[in-house]
Amino acid sequence: MGRLFGTDGVRGVANADLTAELALGLSVAAAHVLAEAGTFAGHRPTAVVGRDPRASGEFLEAAVVAGLASAGVDVLRVGVLPTPAVAYLTGALGADLGVMLSASHNAMPDNGIKFFARGGHKLADELEDRIESTYEQHRTGAPWDRPTGAGVGRVSDYDEGFDKYVAHLIGVLPNRLDGLKIVLDEAHGAAARVSPEAFARAGAEVVTIGAEPDGLNINDGCGSTHLGLLKQAVVEHGADFGIAHDGDADRCLAVDGAGEEIDGDQILAVLALAMREAGQLRGNTVVGTVMSNLGFKLAMEGEGIQVVQTGVGDRYVLESMKENGYALGGEQSGHVIILDHATTGDGTLTGLMLAARVVATGRSLAELAGVMQRLPQVLVNVPDVDKSRVSTSAELAAAVAEAERELGTTGRVLLRPSGTEPLVRVMVEAADIEQARAVAGRLADVVKSALG
């Protein structure tokens, strides 16, 4: 698998890349590293462990629980819950560690392990590196220091996690959702019970699709990566709008009453205005990424709101928010972080807040999302090139400069080397889709000739 930890934990094909042995070893290593870092100083450590409904999550959960308990950590199993629920419960229960087993929006054969530190925050890069290094040392022969007798961890089920998390979601809503009819696409994933329950308790009339997980159908033609069924259901049921989550429900995309997609940038724009009105948008700033649509930035600037852009990945958005005290950030893909109420992207919370804004304003979701105009965006992947020379090629720099002159202030060019593949991503935005395609095509040709 190369380096084990990526931008969102350890992920791979379950029982091929991500084996029971790896899951157990990483869990033991995490316990040892956090103990050495002083996280467990003076008390018996506790971990919260949850998973999405993938079939492989059953044996991987068993391996993680065994690893933690063998290292002297008491384990609270919360069962199938969204990633943000595990993060929330880690903080709310005062646990020293949280572990989520999920591959998010990936297809069913994949799975992943994500660790949370005390408080429900993602582990720092330095701690992930130490966990990986410790795991490798012991995998190649160094024995573990193992507790015995009463020193081993105890394992119990924490069945109250579902209600505790739903109560938290309802408790932070600014107003009820009575009068709304909403279709929820749960991607046959971790929020199949949580999200419908939260929306119903808040007063909405709920229609669900993709809410019958069987361990094999997660993200299969449904959820935030496949909006077709949701668009159809919203129109058929005459709903006010629809919400789509991914497998672990840290994402939220929406569909308006006419079946038109509302992406993460538009959701951020709606929530930014709501939070500013409520005096909650600290620094009058919202955090996005370099992939955020230029229309989002232009709309926020028009409203007098500053946009800070980070690298691609919700962890970089979160880092910027925490470092600078910002309250709202997210990605076009639907990862939205409302830091006053969550330590990570929370798709159910985002959907609830979006619905609350519709009720509070009396305006449709389409009207609210109209605060920004999405500029046409074209993305071309150029494979089999030397991506390391993207920033040093004079030929490429000249082509980008020429493209930027052509597009002016209503367009944008972004060249980004892939983090995992030998390819360069060419992204072009323009007021006209044909212009965006033409410029992207020319730049892709230059990337091939200059870096091939």
Protein backbone atom coordinates (compact mmCIF):
# COMPACT_ATOMS: atom_id res chain seq x y z
CA MET A 1 0.00 0.00 0.00
CA GLY A 2 3.02 2.34 0.13
CA ARG A 3 2.65 4.86 2.94
CA LEU A 4 -0.26 3.55 4.98
CA PHE A 5 -1.84 6.82 6.08
CA GLY A 6 -3.34 9.03 3.39
CA THR A 7 -5.24 12.28 3.77
CA ASP A 8 -8.15 10.43 5.40
CA GLY A 9 -6.71 7.53 7.37
CA VAL A 10 -5.71 4.12 6.01
CA ARG A 11 -7.79 2.85 3.10
CA GLY A 12 -7.68 -0.05 0.64
CA VAL A 13 -9.42 -3.20 -0.56
CA ALA A 14 -10.62 -5.04 2.53
CA ASN A 15 -8.91 -8.40 3.15
CA ALA A 16 -6.36 -7.65 0.42
CA ASP A 17 -4.73 -4.30 1.24
CA LEU A 18 -6.54 -3.74 4.52
CA THR A 19 -6.32 -7.05 6.37
CA ALA A 20 -7.38 -8.10 9.85
CA GLU A 21 -3.70 -8.35 10.78
CA LEU A 22 -3.05 -4.78 9.66
CA ALA A 23 -6.12 -3.48 11.49
CA LEU A 24 -5.08 -5.23 14.69
CA GLY A 25 -1.45 -4.11 14.44
CA LEU A 26 -2.31 -0.47 13.74
CA SER A 27 -4.71 -0.42 16.70
CA VAL A 28 -2.05 -1.77 19.06
CA ALA A 29 0.46 0.71 17.64
CA ALA A 30 -1.99 3.59 18.09
CA ALA A 31 -2.49 2.64 21.74
CA HIS A 32 1.26 2.51 22.39
CA VAL A 33 2.01 5.78 20.59
CA LEU A 34 -0.74 7.68 22.39
CA ALA A 35 0.41 6.24 25.71
CA GLU A 36 3.98 7.40 25.01
CA ALA A 37 2.63 10.83 24.03
CA GLY A 38 1.05 11.15 27.46
CA THR A 39 -2.54 10.89 26.24
CA PHE A 40 -3.33 8.14 28.75
CA ALA A 41 -1.33 9.61 31.64
CA GLY A 42 -2.80 8.80 35.04
CA HIS A 43 -5.91 6.89 33.95
CA ARG A 44 -7.12 3.76 32.23
CA PRO A 45 -7.68 4.61 28.56
CA THR A 46 -10.98 4.28 26.70
CA ALA A 47 -11.69 4.11 22.96
CA VAL A 48 -14.92 4.52 20.97
CA VAL A 49 -15.13 2.21 17.93
CA GLY A 50 -17.75 2.52 15.18
CA ARG A 51 -18.17 1.43 11.59
CA ASP A 52 -20.25 1.79 8.45
CA PRO A 53 -22.36 -1.22 7.33
CA ARG A 54 -19.86 -2.80 4.90
CA ALA A 55 -19.62 -6.55 5.35
CA SER A 56 -15.85 -6.27 5.84
CA GLY A 57 -16.41 -3.88 8.72
CA GLU A 58 -17.55 -6.80 10.83
CA PHE A 59 -14.21 -8.62 10.86
CA LEU A 60 -12.20 -5.38 10.83
CA GLU A 61 -14.09 -4.12 13.86
CA ALA A 62 -13.29 -7.38 15.65
CA ALA A 63 -9.60 -6.94 14.82
CA VAL A 64 -9.49 -3.30 15.97
CA VAL A 65 -11.30 -4.10 19.21
CA ALA A 66 -8.97 -7.04 19.88
CA GLY A 67 -5.90 -4.91 19.23
CA LEU A 68 -6.99 -2.09 21.52
CA ALA A 69 -8.10 -4.39 24.34
CA SER A 70 -4.85 -6.38 24.11
CA ALA A 71 -2.98 -3.09 24.62
CA GLY A 72 -4.94 -2.29 27.78
CA VAL A 73 -7.57 0.02 26.29
CA ASP A 74 -11.22 -0.30 27.33
CA VAL A 75 -13.45 -0.30 24.24
CA LEU A 76 -16.95 1.09 23.75
CA ARG A 77 -18.48 -0.39 20.58
CA VAL A 78 -21.09 1.98 19.16
CA GLY A 79 -21.91 -0.16 16.11
CA VAL A 80 -23.01 1.29 12.77
CA LEU A 81 -22.92 5.08 13.02
CA PRO A 82 -21.63 7.91 10.79
CA THR A 83 -18.03 9.06 11.02
CA PRO A 84 -19.07 12.41 12.59
CA ALA A 85 -21.08 10.50 15.21
CA VAL A 86 -17.97 8.55 16.26
CA ALA A 87 -16.00 11.81 16.39
CA TYR A 88 -18.75 13.46 18.47
CA LEU A 89 -19.06 10.53 20.89
CA THR A 90 -15.28 10.38 21.34
CA GLY A 91 -15.45 13.93 22.65
CA ALA A 92 -18.77 13.72 24.48
CA LEU A 93 -17.82 10.56 26.38
CA GLY A 94 -14.35 11.83 27.28
CA ALA A 95 -12.70 8.96 25.43
CA ASP A 96 -8.98 9.01 24.70
CA LEU A 97 -9.30 7.62 21.20
CA GLY A 98 -11.91 7.10 18.51
CA VAL A 99 -11.74 4.62 15.63
CA MET A 100 -14.01 4.63 12.58
CA LEU A 101 -14.06 1.81 10.04
CA SER A 102 -15.25 3.14 6.68
CA ALA A 103 -14.14 3.84 3.13
CA SER A 104 -16.56 6.77 2.88
CA HIS A 105 -17.82 7.16 -0.72
CA ASN A 106 -15.69 4.29 -2.09
CA ALA A 107 -17.25 1.14 -3.50
CA MET A 108 -18.12 -1.75 -1.20
CA PRO A 109 -14.93 -3.86 -1.58
CA ASP A 110 -12.87 -1.05 0.01
CA ASN A 111 -12.69 -0.20 3.68
CA GLY A 112 -10.62 2.08 5.87
CA ILE A 113 -9.50 2.96 9.38
CA LYS A 114 -9.61 6.49 10.73
CA PHE A 115 -8.34 7.45 14.18
CA PHE A 116 -9.60 10.35 16.28
CA ALA A 117 -7.73 11.92 19.19
CA ARG A 118 -9.28 12.98 22.48
CA GLY A 119 -12.03 15.49 21.81
CA GLY A 120 -12.93 13.84 18.49
CA HIS A 121 -10.29 15.59 16.39
CA LYS A 122 -8.31 13.92 13.62
CA LEU A 123 -4.83 12.82 14.64
CA ALA A 124 -1.97 15.12 13.76
CA ASP A 125 0.27 14.01 10.88
CA GLU A 126 3.14 13.52 13.31
CA LEU A 127 1.13 11.03 15.40
CA GLU A 128 0.01 9.12 12.29
CA ASP A 129 3.65 8.88 11.19
CA ARG A 130 4.64 7.54 14.62
CA ILE A 131 1.81 4.98 14.59
CA GLU A 132 2.91 3.76 11.17
CA SER A 133 6.57 3.60 12.22
CA THR A 134 5.72 1.75 15.44
CA TYR A 135 3.55 -0.72 13.54
CA GLU A 136 6.38 -1.45 11.08
CA GLN A 137 8.91 -1.97 13.88
CA HIS A 138 6.75 -4.55 15.60
CA ARG A 139 5.60 -6.18 12.38
CA THR A 140 9.24 -7.01 11.62
CA GLY A 141 9.95 -8.62 14.96
CA ALA A 142 10.11 -6.23 17.94
CA PRO A 143 7.79 -7.67 20.67
CA TRP A 144 4.93 -5.65 22.14
CA ASP A 145 4.79 -4.84 25.83
CA ARG A 146 1.53 -6.65 26.64
CA PRO A 147 -0.56 -6.21 29.81
CA THR A 148 -1.93 -9.32 31.54
CA GLY A 149 -4.57 -10.10 34.13
CA ALA A 150 -6.63 -7.07 35.11
CA GLY A 151 -4.46 -4.92 32.84
CA VAL A 152 -6.15 -6.03 29.63
CA GLY A 153 -8.88 -3.85 28.19
CA ARG A 154 -12.56 -4.58 28.66
CA VAL A 155 -15.06 -4.48 25.79
CA SER A 156 -18.68 -3.34 26.02
CA ASP A 157 -21.44 -2.13 23.71
CA TYR A 158 -22.54 1.49 24.05
CA ASP A 159 -26.10 1.33 22.73
CA GLU A 160 -26.92 4.89 23.83
CA GLY A 161 -24.66 6.35 21.13
CA PHE A 162 -27.46 6.59 18.54
CA ASP A 163 -29.82 8.62 20.72
CA LYS A 164 -27.03 10.73 22.18
CA TYR A 165 -25.83 11.77 18.74
CA VAL A 166 -29.33 12.47 17.38
CA ALA A 167 -30.12 14.55 20.48
CA HIS A 168 -26.95 16.55 19.84
CA LEU A 169 -28.01 17.26 16.26
CA ILE A 170 -31.50 18.38 17.28
CA GLY A 171 -30.09 20.45 20.13
CA VAL A 172 -27.98 22.71 17.89
CA LEU A 173 -30.71 23.44 15.33
CA PRO A 174 -31.76 27.11 15.35
CA ASN A 175 -35.39 26.27 14.50
CA ARG A 176 -37.66 23.33 13.77
CA LEU A 177 -38.39 21.94 10.30
CA ASP A 178 -42.17 21.63 10.49
CA GLY A 179 -43.85 21.97 7.10
CA LEU A 180 -40.94 20.66 5.03
CA LYS A 181 -41.08 17.49 2.94
CA ILE A 182 -37.58 16.14 2.34
CA VAL A 183 -36.23 13.11 0.48
CA LEU A 184 -33.12 11.60 2.09
CA ASP A 185 -30.73 9.35 0.13
CA GLU A 186 -28.67 7.48 2.70
CA ALA A 187 -26.40 5.60 0.22
CA HIS A 188 -27.26 2.36 2.08
CA GLY A 189 -24.64 3.64 4.50
CA ALA A 190 -23.91 4.57 8.08
CA ALA A 191 -26.65 7.22 8.37
CA ALA A 192 -29.51 4.98 7.20
CA ARG A 193 -31.12 5.19 10.67
CA VAL A 194 -29.61 8.36 12.10
CA SER A 195 -30.45 10.89 9.40
CA PRO A 196 -34.17 10.01 8.93
CA GLU A 197 -34.60 9.95 12.70
CA ALA A 198 -32.99 13.37 13.16
CA PHE A 199 -35.01 15.03 10.39
CA ALA A 200 -38.26 13.46 11.63
CA ARG A 201 -37.63 14.51 15.25
CA ALA A 202 -36.97 18.04 13.97
CA GLY A 203 -40.44 18.10 12.43
CA ALA A 204 -39.86 17.35 8.74
CA GLU A 205 -41.89 14.91 6.67
CA VAL A 206 -39.29 12.40 5.51
CA VAL A 207 -39.13 10.14 2.46
CA THR A 208 -36.11 7.82 2.41
CA ILE A 209 -34.28 6.04 -0.38
CA GLY A 210 -31.03 4.09 -0.14
CA ALA A 211 -31.79 3.32 3.51
CA GLU A 212 -31.66 -0.49 3.50
CA PRO A 213 -28.00 -1.44 3.95
CA ASP A 214 -27.21 -5.14 3.60
CA GLY A 215 -23.43 -4.89 3.89
CA LEU A 216 -22.94 -5.17 0.13
CA ASN A 217 -24.92 -2.28 -1.40
CA ILE A 218 -23.26 0.76 0.16
CA ASN A 219 -22.84 3.62 -2.39
CA ASP A 220 -24.16 1.32 -5.13
CA GLY A 221 -25.79 3.67 -7.62
CA CYS A 222 -27.03 5.96 -4.87
CA GLY A 223 -25.87 8.59 -2.39
CA SER A 224 -23.87 11.75 -2.94
CA THR A 225 -21.83 10.27 -5.81
CA HIS A 226 -24.93 9.13 -7.77
CA LEU A 227 -27.68 11.74 -7.54
CA GLY A 228 -29.96 10.40 -10.27
CA LEU A 229 -32.31 8.45 -7.98
CA LEU A 230 -32.61 11.38 -5.58
CA LYS A 231 -33.46 13.84 -8.36
CA GLN A 232 -36.17 11.48 -9.59
CA ALA A 233 -37.58 10.88 -6.10
CA VAL A 234 -37.76 14.59 -5.19
CA VAL A 235 -39.82 15.34 -8.29
CA GLU A 236 -42.03 12.24 -7.96
CA HIS A 237 -42.86 12.95 -4.31
CA GLY A 238 -43.31 16.69 -4.77
CA ALA A 239 -40.72 17.27 -2.03
CA ASP A 240 -39.30 20.66 -1.14
CA PHE A 241 -35.81 19.29 -1.75
CA GLY A 242 -33.56 16.27 -1.22
CA ILE A 243 -30.40 15.50 0.71
CA ALA A 244 -27.77 12.92 -0.25
CA HIS A 245 -25.08 11.47 2.00
CA ASP A 246 -22.14 9.21 1.24
CA GLY A 247 -21.31 5.90 2.91
CA ASP A 248 -20.07 7.33 6.20
CA ALA A 249 -22.27 10.47 6.06
CA ASP A 250 -19.55 13.07 6.39
CA ARG A 251 -20.80 14.59 3.10
CA CYS A 252 -23.99 16.35 2.12
CA LEU A 253 -25.16 17.31 -1.35
CA ALA A 254 -28.66 18.52 -2.15
CA VAL A 255 -31.26 18.57 -4.91
CA ASP A 256 -33.80 21.40 -5.15
CA GLY A 257 -37.53 20.95 -5.72
CA ALA A 258 -37.05 20.87 -9.50
CA GLY A 259 -34.44 18.13 -9.28
CA GLU A 260 -31.42 20.41 -9.85
CA GLU A 261 -28.17 19.65 -8.01
CA ILE A 262 -27.01 21.94 -5.20
CA ASP A 263 -23.30 21.27 -4.62
CA GLY A 264 -21.04 21.86 -1.63
CA ASP A 265 -20.03 25.35 -2.75
CA GLN A 266 -23.66 26.44 -2.95
CA ILE A 267 -24.43 24.89 0.43
CA LEU A 268 -21.46 26.75 1.93
CA ALA A 269 -22.73 30.00 0.43
CA VAL A 270 -26.20 29.53 1.95
CA LEU A 271 -24.81 28.62 5.36
CA ALA A 272 -22.26 31.45 5.32
CA LEU A 273 -25.02 34.03 4.93
CA ALA A 274 -27.12 32.35 7.63
CA MET A 275 -24.21 32.27 10.08
CA ARG A 276 -23.25 35.87 9.35
CA GLU A 277 -26.84 36.94 10.04
CA ALA A 278 -26.70 35.07 13.36
CA GLY A 279 -23.32 36.59 14.28
CA GLN A 280 -21.59 33.20 14.09
CA LEU A 281 -19.33 33.65 11.04
CA ARG A 282 -16.12 34.42 12.87
CA GLY A 283 -13.71 36.66 11.01
CA ASN A 284 -16.44 37.17 8.41
CA THR A 285 -14.62 34.35 6.61
CA VAL A 286 -15.45 30.99 5.06
CA VAL A 287 -12.78 28.41 4.17
CA GLY A 288 -12.82 26.56 0.83
CA THR A 289 -10.22 24.80 -1.33
CA VAL A 290 -8.44 25.60 -4.58
CA MET A 291 -11.13 23.50 -6.30
CA SER A 292 -13.98 25.69 -5.04
CA ASN A 293 -15.90 27.14 -7.97
CA LEU A 294 -14.90 30.68 -8.88
CA GLY A 295 -18.59 31.55 -8.75
CA PHE A 296 -18.52 30.80 -5.02
CA LYS A 297 -15.63 33.18 -4.40
CA LEU A 298 -17.21 35.92 -6.51
CA ALA A 299 -20.56 35.53 -4.70
CA MET A 300 -18.97 35.70 -1.26
CA GLU A 301 -16.90 38.73 -2.22
CA GLY A 302 -20.08 40.36 -3.47
CA GLU A 303 -21.60 39.79 -0.04
CA GLY A 304 -18.54 41.16 1.72
CA ILE A 305 -17.40 37.75 2.98
CA GLN A 306 -13.76 36.72 2.72
CA VAL A 307 -12.85 33.31 1.23
CA VAL A 308 -9.68 31.53 2.36
CA GLN A 309 -8.57 28.69 0.07
CA THR A 310 -6.55 25.61 1.09
CA GLY A 311 -5.24 22.51 -0.65
CA VAL A 312 -7.75 19.83 -1.66
CA GLY A 313 -8.93 17.72 1.27
CA ASP A 314 -11.19 18.40 4.23
CA ARG A 315 -8.30 17.93 6.64
CA TYR A 316 -6.59 21.02 5.17
CA VAL A 317 -9.83 22.99 5.45
CA LEU A 318 -10.10 21.93 9.09
CA GLU A 319 -6.48 22.84 9.83
CA SER A 320 -7.02 26.35 8.49
CA MET A 321 -10.23 26.74 10.49
CA LYS A 322 -8.63 25.62 13.75
CA GLU A 323 -5.48 27.68 13.27
CA ASN A 324 -7.39 30.89 12.55
CA GLY A 325 -10.56 30.43 14.58
CA TYR A 326 -12.93 30.26 11.60
CA ALA A 327 -16.37 28.70 12.07
CA LEU A 328 -17.31 27.44 8.59
CA GLY A 329 -15.48 25.66 5.79
CA GLY A 330 -15.85 22.90 3.27
CA GLU A 331 -15.45 21.45 -0.19
CA GLN A 332 -17.42 21.32 -3.41
CA SER A 333 -17.86 17.58 -2.82
CA GLY A 334 -20.11 18.26 0.17
CA HIS A 335 -17.70 18.03 3.11
CA VAL A 336 -18.97 20.93 5.21
CA ILE A 337 -17.48 21.64 8.63
CA ILE A 338 -19.45 23.70 11.15
CA LEU A 339 -16.79 23.86 13.83
CA ASP A 340 -18.98 25.11 16.67
CA HIS A 341 -20.98 21.87 16.50
CA ALA A 342 -18.70 19.25 14.90
CA THR A 343 -15.01 18.38 14.69
CA THR A 344 -15.27 16.98 11.18
CA GLY A 345 -17.54 17.15 8.14
CA ASP A 346 -21.05 16.11 9.18
CA GLY A 347 -23.53 15.42 6.38
CA THR A 348 -26.59 15.09 8.61
CA LEU A 349 -25.81 18.29 10.52
CA THR A 350 -25.21 20.15 7.25
CA GLY A 351 -28.52 18.95 5.81
CA LEU A 352 -30.38 19.93 8.97
CA MET A 353 -28.86 23.41 8.98
CA LEU A 354 -29.71 23.85 5.30
CA ALA A 355 -33.31 22.81 5.98
CA ALA A 356 -33.50 25.15 8.98
CA ARG A 357 -32.45 28.05 6.75
CA VAL A 358 -35.20 27.23 4.25
CA VAL A 359 -37.80 27.33 7.03
CA ALA A 360 -36.38 30.45 8.69
CA THR A 361 -36.37 32.47 5.46
CA GLY A 362 -39.50 31.05 3.87
CA ARG A 363 -37.56 30.81 0.62
CA SER A 364 -37.00 27.72 -1.51
CA LEU A 365 -33.62 26.02 -1.60
CA ALA A 366 -33.27 27.03 -5.26
CA GLU A 367 -33.78 30.69 -4.31
CA LEU A 368 -31.26 30.51 -1.49
CA ALA A 369 -28.66 28.72 -3.63
CA GLY A 370 -29.13 31.40 -6.28
CA VAL A 371 -26.86 33.65 -4.25
CA MET A 372 -24.06 32.19 -6.38
CA GLN A 373 -23.77 31.31 -10.05
CA ARG A 374 -21.65 28.24 -10.71
CA LEU A 375 -19.23 28.96 -13.51
CA PRO A 376 -18.78 26.08 -15.99
CA GLN A 377 -15.89 23.92 -14.80
CA VAL A 378 -14.00 21.44 -16.97
CA LEU A 379 -11.59 18.88 -15.51
CA VAL A 380 -9.20 16.90 -17.74
CA ASN A 381 -6.88 14.20 -16.38
CA VAL A 382 -3.61 13.88 -18.31
CA PRO A 383 -2.02 10.48 -17.54
CA ASP A 384 1.50 9.11 -17.91
CA VAL A 385 3.38 12.37 -17.45
CA ASP A 386 6.08 13.56 -15.06
CA LYS A 387 3.84 15.30 -12.55
CA SER A 388 6.84 16.44 -10.49
CA ARG A 389 7.68 19.08 -13.15
CA VAL A 390 4.30 20.85 -13.13
CA SER A 391 5.68 23.81 -11.17
CA THR A 392 9.03 24.05 -13.01
CA SER A 393 8.17 23.72 -16.71
CA ALA A 394 8.64 27.05 -18.49
CA GLU A 395 6.58 25.85 -21.45
CA LEU A 396 3.68 24.99 -19.18
CA ALA A 397 3.95 28.26 -17.26
CA ALA A 398 3.76 30.24 -20.50
CA ALA A 399 0.67 28.29 -21.62
CA VAL A 400 -1.06 28.86 -18.28
CA ALA A 401 -0.27 32.58 -18.39
CA GLU A 402 -1.73 32.85 -21.89
CA ALA A 403 -4.88 30.97 -20.82
CA GLU A 404 -5.32 33.24 -17.80
CA ARG A 405 -5.03 36.33 -20.01
CA GLU A 406 -7.72 34.91 -22.30
CA LEU A 407 -10.09 34.10 -19.43
CA GLY A 408 -9.60 37.40 -17.58
CA THR A 409 -11.38 37.95 -14.26
CA THR A 410 -14.29 35.62 -15.06
CA GLY A 411 -12.22 32.47 -15.44
CA ARG A 412 -9.55 30.44 -13.73
CA VAL A 413 -6.91 27.79 -14.44
CA LEU A 414 -5.61 25.20 -11.98
CA LEU A 415 -3.01 22.51 -12.71
CA ARG A 416 -2.69 19.95 -9.94
CA PRO A 417 -0.54 16.81 -9.83
CA SER A 418 -2.44 13.79 -8.53
CA GLY A 419 -1.43 12.64 -5.08
CA THR A 420 -1.75 8.94 -5.93
CA GLU A 421 -1.44 8.51 -9.71
CA PRO A 422 1.07 9.51 -12.45
CA LEU A 423 -1.21 12.17 -13.87
CA VAL A 424 -1.87 15.90 -13.87
CA ARG A 425 -5.35 17.34 -13.42
CA VAL A 426 -6.17 20.35 -15.60
CA MET A 427 -9.11 22.39 -14.31
CA VAL A 428 -10.51 25.38 -16.20
CA GLU A 429 -13.43 27.62 -15.28
CA ALA A 430 -14.97 30.15 -17.61
CA ALA A 431 -18.21 32.04 -18.08
CA ASP A 432 -18.85 29.91 -21.19
CA ILE A 433 -18.61 26.10 -21.17
CA GLU A 434 -17.27 25.93 -24.73
CA GLN A 435 -14.48 28.34 -23.87
CA ALA A 436 -13.65 26.29 -20.76
CA ARG A 437 -13.46 23.09 -22.84
CA ALA A 438 -11.31 24.69 -25.50
CA VAL A 439 -8.83 26.15 -23.00
CA ALA A 440 -8.68 22.89 -21.02
CA GLY A 441 -8.03 20.91 -24.21
CA ARG A 442 -5.18 23.19 -25.26
CA LEU A 443 -3.59 23.06 -21.80
CA ALA A 444 -3.90 19.28 -21.68
CA ASP A 445 -2.01 19.07 -24.99
CA VAL A 446 0.76 21.29 -23.57
CA VAL A 447 0.96 19.13 -20.43
CA LYS A 448 1.42 16.03 -22.62
CA SER A 449 4.15 17.65 -24.76
CA ALA A 450 5.95 19.40 -21.92
CA LEU A 451 5.81 16.66 -19.27
CA GLY A 452 5.38 13.48 -21.32
